[in-house]
Amino acid sequence: MNRLATLLAVSATTALLGGCVFAPPINTQTDAAAVTKMSEQAVATCGAGNVREVNAKSFTCK
């Protein structure tokens, strides 16, 4: 009886964990377009020549 309960618990856990699939939302904007947009914002905010780093989600000024 104890083995049956353990087997059922392990099977249920395996089934529940195996069914958890997370798919991130599809990004409609391409990375290149996002970087271009963020670059424009960085230059407008920091000033020309004062941008340290730009990626698709953020930028830093010097």
C-alpha atoms as a PDB file:
ATOM      1  CA  MET A   1       0.000   0.000   0.000  1.00  0.00           C
ATOM      2  CA  ASN A   2       2.867   2.393   0.851  1.00  0.00           C
ATOM      3  CA  ARG A   3       4.625   1.632  -2.442  1.00  0.00           C
ATOM      4  CA  LEU A   4       1.414   2.276  -4.361  1.00  0.00           C
ATOM      5  CA  ALA A   5       0.978   5.677  -2.707  1.00  0.00           C
ATOM      6  CA  THR A   6       4.591   6.596  -3.458  1.00  0.00           C
ATOM      7  CA  LEU A   7       4.259   5.469  -7.057  1.00  0.00           C
ATOM      8  CA  LEU A   8       1.072   7.495  -7.506  1.00  0.00           C
ATOM      9  CA  ALA A   9       2.662  10.576  -5.925  1.00  0.00           C
ATOM     10  CA  VAL A  10       5.735  10.339  -8.160  1.00  0.00           C
ATOM     11  CA  SER A  11       3.588   9.757 -11.249  1.00  0.00           C
ATOM     12  CA  ALA A  12       1.349  12.718 -10.429  1.00  0.00           C
ATOM     13  CA  THR A  13       4.352  14.978  -9.829  1.00  0.00           C
ATOM     14  CA  THR A  14       5.951  13.896 -13.083  1.00  0.00           C
ATOM     15  CA  ALA A  15       2.747  14.478 -15.013  1.00  0.00           C
ATOM     16  CA  LEU A  16       2.208  17.917 -13.502  1.00  0.00           C
ATOM     17  CA  LEU A  17       5.780  19.072 -14.035  1.00  0.00           C
ATOM     18  CA  GLY A  18       5.891  17.655 -17.535  1.00  0.00           C
ATOM     19  CA  GLY A  19       2.802  19.602 -18.506  1.00  0.00           C
ATOM     20  CA  CYS A  20       4.185  23.013 -17.490  1.00  0.00           C
ATOM     21  CA  VAL A  21       5.350  24.685 -20.658  1.00  0.00           C
ATOM     22  CA  PHE A  22       5.804  28.441 -20.746  1.00  0.00           C
ATOM     23  CA  ALA A  23       6.021  30.195 -24.066  1.00  0.00           C
ATOM     24  CA  PRO A  24       7.167  33.804 -23.860  1.00  0.00           C
ATOM     25  CA  PRO A  25       5.105  36.331 -25.790  1.00  0.00           C
ATOM     26  CA  ILE A  26       6.074  36.809 -29.384  1.00  0.00           C
ATOM     27  CA  ASN A  27       7.952  40.043 -29.880  1.00  0.00           C
ATOM     28  CA  THR A  28       6.420  41.822 -32.846  1.00  0.00           C
ATOM     29  CA  GLN A  29       9.265  44.305 -33.105  1.00  0.00           C
ATOM     30  CA  THR A  30      12.543  42.978 -34.440  1.00  0.00           C
ATOM     31  CA  ASP A  31      15.674  43.430 -32.372  1.00  0.00           C
ATOM     32  CA  ALA A  32      17.278  45.631 -35.026  1.00  0.00           C
ATOM     33  CA  ALA A  33      14.282  47.956 -35.085  1.00  0.00           C
ATOM     34  CA  ALA A  34      14.228  48.080 -31.275  1.00  0.00           C
ATOM     35  CA  VAL A  35      17.938  48.944 -31.135  1.00  0.00           C
ATOM     36  CA  THR A  36      17.473  51.654 -33.763  1.00  0.00           C
ATOM     37  CA  LYS A  37      14.588  53.181 -31.835  1.00  0.00           C
ATOM     38  CA  MET A  38      16.512  53.012 -28.548  1.00  0.00           C
ATOM     39  CA  SER A  39      19.577  54.548 -30.231  1.00  0.00           C
ATOM     40  CA  GLU A  40      17.524  57.511 -31.371  1.00  0.00           C
ATOM     41  CA  GLN A  41      16.156  57.930 -27.852  1.00  0.00           C
ATOM     42  CA  ALA A  42      19.662  57.665 -26.381  1.00  0.00           C
ATOM     43  CA  VAL A  43      21.056  60.402 -28.636  1.00  0.00           C
ATOM     44  CA  ALA A  44      18.062  62.619 -27.856  1.00  0.00           C
ATOM     45  CA  THR A  45      18.505  62.072 -24.104  1.00  0.00           C
ATOM     46  CA  CYS A  46      22.302  61.927 -23.705  1.00  0.00           C
ATOM     47  CA  GLY A  47      23.363  64.114 -26.603  1.00  0.00           C
ATOM     48  CA  ALA A  48      25.477  63.194 -29.610  1.00  0.00           C
ATOM     49  CA  GLY A  49      28.755  61.562 -28.572  1.00  0.00           C
ATOM     50  CA  ASN A  50      27.628  60.951 -24.993  1.00  0.00           C
ATOM     51  CA  VAL A  51      26.018  57.519 -25.416  1.00  0.00           C
ATOM     52  CA  ARG A  52      27.969  54.708 -23.762  1.00  0.00           C
ATOM     53  CA  GLU A  53      25.910  51.631 -24.643  1.00  0.00           C
ATOM     54  CA  VAL A  54      22.616  50.807 -26.365  1.00  0.00           C
ATOM     55  CA  ASN A  55      20.669  47.559 -26.537  1.00  0.00           C
ATOM     56  CA  ALA A  56      17.090  46.701 -27.484  1.00  0.00           C
ATOM     57  CA  LYS A  57      15.730  47.520 -24.019  1.00  0.00           C
ATOM     58  CA  SER A  58      17.907  50.295 -22.568  1.00  0.00           C
ATOM     59  CA  PHE A  59      20.814  52.663 -22.983  1.00  0.00           C
ATOM     60  CA  THR A  60      23.447  54.320 -20.799  1.00  0.00           C
ATOM     61  CA  CYS A  61      25.050  57.726 -21.075  1.00  0.00           C
ATOM     62  CA  LYS A  62      28.727  58.548 -20.493  1.00  0.00           C
END
